[in-house]
Amino acid sequence: MSFALSQYIPLGTKVPFVQMRFIAFGVSAVAIVVSMAAYLMLGLNFGIDFRGGSQLQIETQGPANLTKIRTIVSDLNLGDVQVQHFGSDSIVRIRIERQAGEGTEGANAQQAAITTVKKALDANIEGVTYRATSVISPKVSGELVNAGIYAVVGALICMLIYIWFRFEWQFSVGAVVALAHDVILTIGMFSISRLEFNLSIIAAILTIVGYSMNDTVVVYDRIRENLRKYKRMSLIDVLNLSINETLSRTTITSLTTLLALLSLFFLGGEVLRGFSFAMIWGVVVGTYSSIFVAAPILLILGVNRGEFEE
């Protein structure tokens, strides 16, 4: 089929995105296979939220120096450590990864780690007080893993139902395939990069799902409008026209979002690095999937154009 859109849009881009679908599908298929293989072979570098560990809440005289506290605790060689403000500048939450051992041995190791941290803080920080200490058990961590999975799957199902009611089933399946594509590639990237996977990454994935769906709905809305407007135009040309008409909106939104996320990644500190990285990756693959996956897949599924007759 020819891509003759000059009679419809004399100005603006005329990129034949749909004609590139086989290349895009091939790239996506390879990326999905690599992501799944990385997950099965390497797994995820779960953070304390999912592995369990110890937690201390301390208060300092005046604003806490997070860099100093993080250095003190990290030098104890107790494994992964998270240090962040908790409510105010003088209150700090310290998390230490679960120590080796099971049962009583593991519980003793956790308490020993807490004691070691307290001694190190007392020796290096004047006037530190301990507001609370606790141990995050593996059972609770396992429940958090399940809750995260349920949250992502639930979001995909809700999106499927929403698009089904708003458009028709082909659009719904196309949108969910694009969303699953984005989630799988994001998880694969974390498996390969070995960045810590914690609750904030689950929040980032859910945000990516919403962001990608918003991009896809914008394109689908324009496709629906053009199916009604250009009844004699071939489906492939309608898809190309719709993608090109929404391209400026898609790219400008993505670029401005990326500018904010890049600032967060480089200036937001260690605590926000994983979240901002997940969001940056998600915006890139979400924009890609809206253009090269969600719209072209309608050619495979077919669209009942009679549904759009007025």
Protein backbone atom coordinates (compact mmCIF):
# COMPACT_ATOMS: atom_id res chain seq x y z
CA MET A 1 0.00 0.00 0.00
CA SER A 2 1.25 3.45 -0.80
CA PHE A 3 1.77 6.13 1.80
CA ALA A 4 0.18 9.09 0.00
CA LEU A 5 -0.78 11.57 2.67
CA SER A 6 0.15 14.83 0.94
CA GLN A 7 -3.47 15.32 -0.09
CA TYR A 8 -4.52 15.06 3.56
CA ILE A 9 -1.73 16.83 5.47
CA PRO A 10 0.15 19.35 3.32
CA LEU A 11 2.14 20.46 6.36
CA GLY A 12 3.80 18.49 9.13
CA THR A 13 5.68 15.19 9.27
CA LYS A 14 4.96 12.35 6.87
CA VAL A 15 7.04 9.56 8.35
CA PRO A 16 5.91 6.06 7.30
CA PHE A 17 5.97 4.59 10.81
CA VAL A 18 3.68 1.66 10.05
CA GLN A 19 5.89 0.53 7.16
CA MET A 20 8.69 0.15 9.73
CA ARG A 21 6.57 -2.19 11.86
CA PHE A 22 8.43 -5.38 10.93
CA ILE A 23 11.76 -3.87 11.98
CA ALA A 24 10.15 -2.53 15.17
CA PHE A 25 8.46 -5.85 15.95
CA GLY A 26 11.78 -7.63 15.42
CA VAL A 27 13.64 -5.24 17.73
CA SER A 28 10.91 -5.57 20.38
CA ALA A 29 10.87 -9.38 20.12
CA VAL A 30 14.65 -9.56 20.61
CA ALA A 31 14.48 -7.10 23.52
CA ILE A 32 11.70 -9.10 25.20
CA VAL A 33 13.58 -12.39 24.80
CA VAL A 34 16.76 -10.83 26.22
CA SER A 35 14.80 -9.30 29.12
CA MET A 36 13.09 -12.58 29.99
CA ALA A 37 16.37 -14.50 29.73
CA ALA A 38 18.11 -11.95 31.97
CA TYR A 39 15.32 -12.20 34.54
CA LEU A 40 15.37 -16.03 34.55
CA MET A 41 19.17 -16.27 34.67
CA LEU A 42 20.09 -13.27 36.84
CA GLY A 43 16.89 -12.41 38.66
CA LEU A 44 16.44 -9.02 40.26
CA ASN A 45 18.69 -7.30 42.75
CA PHE A 46 15.99 -7.00 45.40
CA GLY A 47 16.42 -4.27 47.97
CA ILE A 48 15.77 -4.41 51.69
CA ASP A 49 12.03 -3.91 51.09
CA PHE A 50 11.89 -7.38 49.52
CA ARG A 51 14.79 -9.23 51.16
CA GLY A 52 14.11 -8.17 54.72
CA GLY A 53 16.54 -6.61 57.17
CA SER A 54 16.88 -4.21 60.08
CA GLN A 55 15.62 -0.66 60.45
CA LEU A 56 16.63 2.13 62.81
CA GLN A 57 15.07 5.53 63.20
CA ILE A 58 17.43 8.09 64.73
CA GLU A 59 17.32 11.79 65.58
CA THR A 60 20.28 14.16 65.52
CA GLN A 61 20.91 17.55 67.03
CA GLY A 62 20.17 19.83 64.11
CA PRO A 63 19.91 18.77 60.45
CA ALA A 64 21.35 15.32 59.86
CA ASN A 65 24.34 14.85 57.57
CA LEU A 66 23.09 11.95 55.41
CA THR A 67 26.39 11.56 53.58
CA LYS A 68 28.32 11.16 56.84
CA ILE A 69 25.76 8.73 58.29
CA ARG A 70 25.71 6.68 55.10
CA THR A 71 29.52 6.49 55.08
CA ILE A 72 29.65 5.42 58.75
CA VAL A 73 27.12 2.62 58.30
CA SER A 74 28.46 1.47 54.90
CA ASP A 75 31.99 1.10 56.33
CA LEU A 76 30.65 -1.54 58.75
CA ASN A 77 30.32 -4.04 55.85
CA LEU A 78 26.83 -5.13 56.81
CA GLY A 79 25.62 -5.29 53.20
CA ASP A 80 23.17 -3.00 51.45
CA VAL A 81 22.35 0.17 53.40
CA GLN A 82 19.66 2.81 52.86
CA VAL A 83 19.81 6.17 54.64
CA GLN A 84 17.14 8.83 54.16
CA HIS A 85 15.32 11.62 55.94
CA PHE A 86 12.10 10.59 57.64
CA GLY A 87 9.66 13.42 58.24
CA SER A 88 12.17 16.16 59.12
CA ASP A 89 15.80 17.15 58.54
CA SER A 90 16.88 15.84 61.94
CA ILE A 91 15.16 12.43 61.77
CA VAL A 92 16.80 9.70 59.71
CA ARG A 93 15.72 6.19 58.77
CA ILE A 94 18.51 3.63 58.33
CA ARG A 95 17.86 0.28 56.71
CA ILE A 96 20.35 -2.58 56.71
CA GLU A 97 19.97 -5.69 54.60
CA ARG A 98 19.07 -9.00 56.22
CA GLN A 99 22.08 -10.77 57.71
CA ALA A 100 22.90 -14.40 56.97
CA GLY A 101 21.30 -17.11 59.08
CA GLU A 102 17.94 -18.72 59.74
CA GLY A 103 15.74 -18.92 62.80
CA THR A 104 17.39 -17.95 66.07
CA GLU A 105 20.77 -17.55 64.40
CA GLY A 106 19.32 -15.08 61.89
CA ALA A 107 17.50 -13.12 64.61
CA ASN A 108 20.72 -12.86 66.65
CA ALA A 109 22.61 -11.69 63.57
CA GLN A 110 20.02 -8.96 62.97
CA GLN A 111 20.27 -7.75 66.57
CA ALA A 112 24.07 -7.83 66.39
CA ALA A 113 23.95 -5.66 63.26
CA ILE A 114 21.70 -3.11 65.01
CA THR A 115 24.06 -3.03 68.00
CA THR A 116 27.07 -2.52 65.72
CA VAL A 117 25.40 0.38 63.94
CA LYS A 118 24.45 2.04 67.23
CA LYS A 119 28.00 1.83 68.53
CA ALA A 120 29.40 3.32 65.32
CA LEU A 121 26.89 6.19 65.35
CA ASP A 122 27.49 6.93 69.04
CA ALA A 123 31.23 7.10 68.40
CA ASN A 124 30.99 9.45 65.43
CA ILE A 125 27.85 11.58 65.90
CA GLU A 126 27.30 13.64 68.99
CA GLY A 127 23.88 13.65 70.62
CA VAL A 128 22.26 10.98 68.44
CA THR A 129 19.11 9.42 69.91
CA TYR A 130 17.26 6.28 68.82
CA ARG A 131 13.54 6.68 68.25
CA ALA A 132 12.77 3.12 67.12
CA THR A 133 14.37 -0.11 65.89
CA SER A 134 12.70 -2.98 64.09
CA VAL A 135 13.38 -6.07 62.01
CA ILE A 136 11.71 -6.61 58.63
CA SER A 137 11.13 -10.36 58.33
CA PRO A 138 11.46 -12.35 55.07
CA LYS A 139 7.76 -13.26 55.39
CA VAL A 140 6.75 -9.59 55.25
CA SER A 141 9.16 -9.05 52.36
CA GLY A 142 7.59 -11.95 50.45
CA GLU A 143 4.17 -10.43 50.99
CA LEU A 144 5.47 -7.15 49.54
CA VAL A 145 6.73 -8.98 46.43
CA ASN A 146 3.29 -10.53 45.92
CA ALA A 147 1.56 -7.20 46.53
CA GLY A 148 3.79 -5.55 43.91
CA ILE A 149 2.99 -8.24 41.34
CA TYR A 150 -0.73 -7.98 42.06
CA ALA A 151 -0.57 -4.19 41.70
CA VAL A 152 1.07 -4.34 38.26
CA VAL A 153 -1.19 -7.14 36.96
CA GLY A 154 -4.27 -5.38 38.37
CA ALA A 155 -3.27 -2.16 36.61
CA LEU A 156 -2.94 -4.00 33.28
CA ILE A 157 -6.35 -5.64 33.69
CA CYS A 158 -8.02 -2.32 34.56
CA MET A 159 -6.42 -0.70 31.50
CA LEU A 160 -7.65 -3.58 29.33
CA ILE A 161 -11.24 -3.07 30.54
CA TYR A 162 -11.03 0.73 30.19
CA ILE A 163 -9.82 0.65 26.58
CA TRP A 164 -12.30 -2.11 25.69
CA PHE A 165 -15.21 0.06 26.80
CA ARG A 166 -13.82 3.25 25.30
CA PHE A 167 -12.86 1.83 21.88
CA GLU A 168 -13.21 -1.81 20.81
CA TRP A 169 -11.44 -5.03 21.70
CA GLN A 170 -8.67 -4.68 19.07
CA PHE A 171 -7.60 -1.36 20.61
CA SER A 172 -7.77 -2.89 24.09
CA VAL A 173 -5.52 -5.82 23.20
CA GLY A 174 -3.10 -3.52 21.36
CA ALA A 175 -2.83 -1.19 24.35
CA VAL A 176 -2.23 -4.02 26.84
CA VAL A 177 0.37 -5.65 24.57
CA ALA A 178 2.21 -2.30 24.46
CA LEU A 179 1.98 -1.96 28.25
CA ALA A 180 3.22 -5.51 28.85
CA HIS A 181 6.05 -4.76 26.41
CA ASP A 182 7.08 -1.72 28.50
CA VAL A 183 6.89 -3.56 31.83
CA ILE A 184 8.91 -6.55 30.58
CA LEU A 185 11.65 -4.33 29.13
CA THR A 186 11.83 -2.32 32.36
CA ILE A 187 12.20 -5.45 34.49
CA GLY A 188 14.77 -6.79 32.02
CA MET A 189 16.78 -3.58 32.26
CA PHE A 190 16.90 -3.88 36.06
CA SER A 191 17.99 -7.52 35.76
CA ILE A 192 20.83 -6.59 33.42
CA SER A 193 21.93 -3.39 35.17
CA ARG A 194 21.72 -4.97 38.67
CA LEU A 195 20.27 -1.76 40.05
CA GLU A 196 18.40 -2.25 43.30
CA PHE A 197 14.76 -3.25 42.85
CA ASN A 198 12.62 -1.94 45.71
CA LEU A 199 9.14 -0.59 46.40
CA SER A 200 9.92 2.72 44.70
CA ILE A 201 10.57 0.80 41.47
CA ILE A 202 7.13 -0.79 41.74
CA ALA A 203 5.73 2.74 42.05
CA ALA A 204 7.77 3.75 38.99
CA ILE A 205 6.44 0.79 36.95
CA LEU A 206 2.84 1.71 37.83
CA THR A 207 3.60 5.30 36.81
CA ILE A 208 5.09 4.04 33.54
CA VAL A 209 1.90 2.04 32.90
CA GLY A 210 -0.18 5.19 33.30
CA TYR A 211 2.18 7.34 31.23
CA SER A 212 2.40 4.84 28.38
CA MET A 213 -1.36 4.33 28.40
CA ASN A 214 -1.92 8.08 28.17
CA ASP A 215 0.35 8.27 25.10
CA THR A 216 -1.41 5.30 23.52
CA VAL A 217 -4.90 6.70 24.14
CA VAL A 218 -3.92 9.98 22.46
CA VAL A 219 -2.86 8.07 19.34
CA TYR A 220 -5.94 5.81 19.48
CA ASP A 221 -8.26 8.81 19.79
CA ARG A 222 -6.79 10.31 16.64
CA ILE A 223 -7.04 6.96 14.83
CA ARG A 224 -10.72 6.75 15.74
CA GLU A 225 -11.34 10.32 14.54
CA ASN A 226 -9.56 9.68 11.24
CA LEU A 227 -11.37 6.39 10.66
CA ARG A 228 -14.60 8.39 10.75
CA LYS A 229 -13.19 11.28 8.73
CA TYR A 230 -11.42 9.36 5.96
CA LYS A 231 -13.70 6.42 5.27
CA ARG A 232 -12.05 5.53 1.95
CA MET A 233 -8.46 5.78 3.15
CA SER A 234 -6.68 2.48 3.71
CA LEU A 235 -6.12 1.46 7.33
CA ILE A 236 -2.34 1.65 7.00
CA ASP A 237 -2.59 5.26 5.78
CA VAL A 238 -5.03 6.15 8.57
CA LEU A 239 -2.57 4.79 11.13
CA ASN A 240 0.36 6.68 9.62
CA LEU A 241 -1.65 9.88 9.42
CA SER A 242 -2.77 9.57 13.04
CA ILE A 243 0.72 8.88 14.38
CA ASN A 244 2.16 11.82 12.45
CA GLU A 245 -0.58 14.16 13.62
CA THR A 246 0.10 13.32 17.28
CA LEU A 247 3.89 13.08 16.90
CA SER A 248 4.68 16.62 18.03
CA ARG A 249 2.53 16.24 21.14
CA THR A 250 4.11 12.87 21.96
CA THR A 251 7.72 13.95 21.49
CA ILE A 252 7.37 17.32 23.25
CA THR A 253 5.66 15.71 26.26
CA SER A 254 8.32 12.99 26.45
CA LEU A 255 11.23 15.41 26.11
CA THR A 256 9.98 17.79 28.79
CA THR A 257 9.32 14.84 31.10
CA LEU A 258 12.82 13.51 30.44
CA LEU A 259 14.38 16.87 31.29
CA ALA A 260 12.75 16.78 34.73
CA LEU A 261 13.68 13.12 35.26
CA LEU A 262 17.30 13.64 34.21
CA SER A 263 17.59 16.45 36.75
CA LEU A 264 16.14 14.10 39.37
CA PHE A 265 18.56 11.33 38.36
CA PHE A 266 21.71 13.46 38.55
CA LEU A 267 20.74 15.82 41.38
CA GLY A 268 18.20 13.85 43.44
CA GLY A 269 20.73 11.75 45.31
CA GLU A 270 21.16 8.03 45.81
CA VAL A 271 17.70 7.49 47.30
CA LEU A 272 15.90 8.65 44.13
CA ARG A 273 18.35 7.24 41.58
CA GLY A 274 16.62 3.91 41.02
CA PHE A 275 13.18 5.48 40.77
CA SER A 276 14.30 8.20 38.35
CA PHE A 277 16.23 5.68 36.22
CA ALA A 278 13.14 3.47 35.96
CA MET A 279 11.05 6.47 34.95
CA ILE A 280 13.57 7.62 32.31
CA TRP A 281 13.69 4.14 30.80
CA GLY A 282 9.90 3.86 31.00
CA VAL A 283 9.29 7.17 29.22
CA VAL A 284 11.63 6.14 26.38
CA VAL A 285 10.14 2.66 25.86
CA GLY A 286 6.60 3.97 26.47
CA THR A 287 6.96 6.55 23.70
CA TYR A 288 8.47 3.92 21.42
CA SER A 289 5.68 1.40 22.08
CA SER A 290 2.90 3.97 21.52
CA ILE A 291 4.26 4.68 18.05
CA PHE A 292 5.75 1.38 16.91
CA VAL A 293 3.72 -1.25 18.80
CA ALA A 294 0.28 -0.06 19.91
CA ALA A 295 -0.79 1.48 16.58
CA PRO A 296 0.77 -0.97 14.06
CA ILE A 297 -0.60 -3.99 15.95
CA LEU A 298 -4.09 -2.91 14.85
CA LEU A 299 -3.12 -4.04 11.34
CA ILE A 300 -2.60 -7.56 12.68
CA LEU A 301 -5.75 -7.60 14.81
CA GLY A 302 -7.89 -5.83 12.22
CA VAL A 303 -10.37 -3.05 12.89
CA ASN A 304 -14.07 -3.26 12.14
CA ARG A 305 -14.47 0.05 10.31
CA GLY A 306 -18.21 -0.32 10.41
CA GLU A 307 -18.03 0.52 14.11
CA PHE A 308 -16.89 4.03 13.15
CA GLU A 309 -19.58 4.77 10.59
CA GLU A 310 -21.79 7.65 11.63
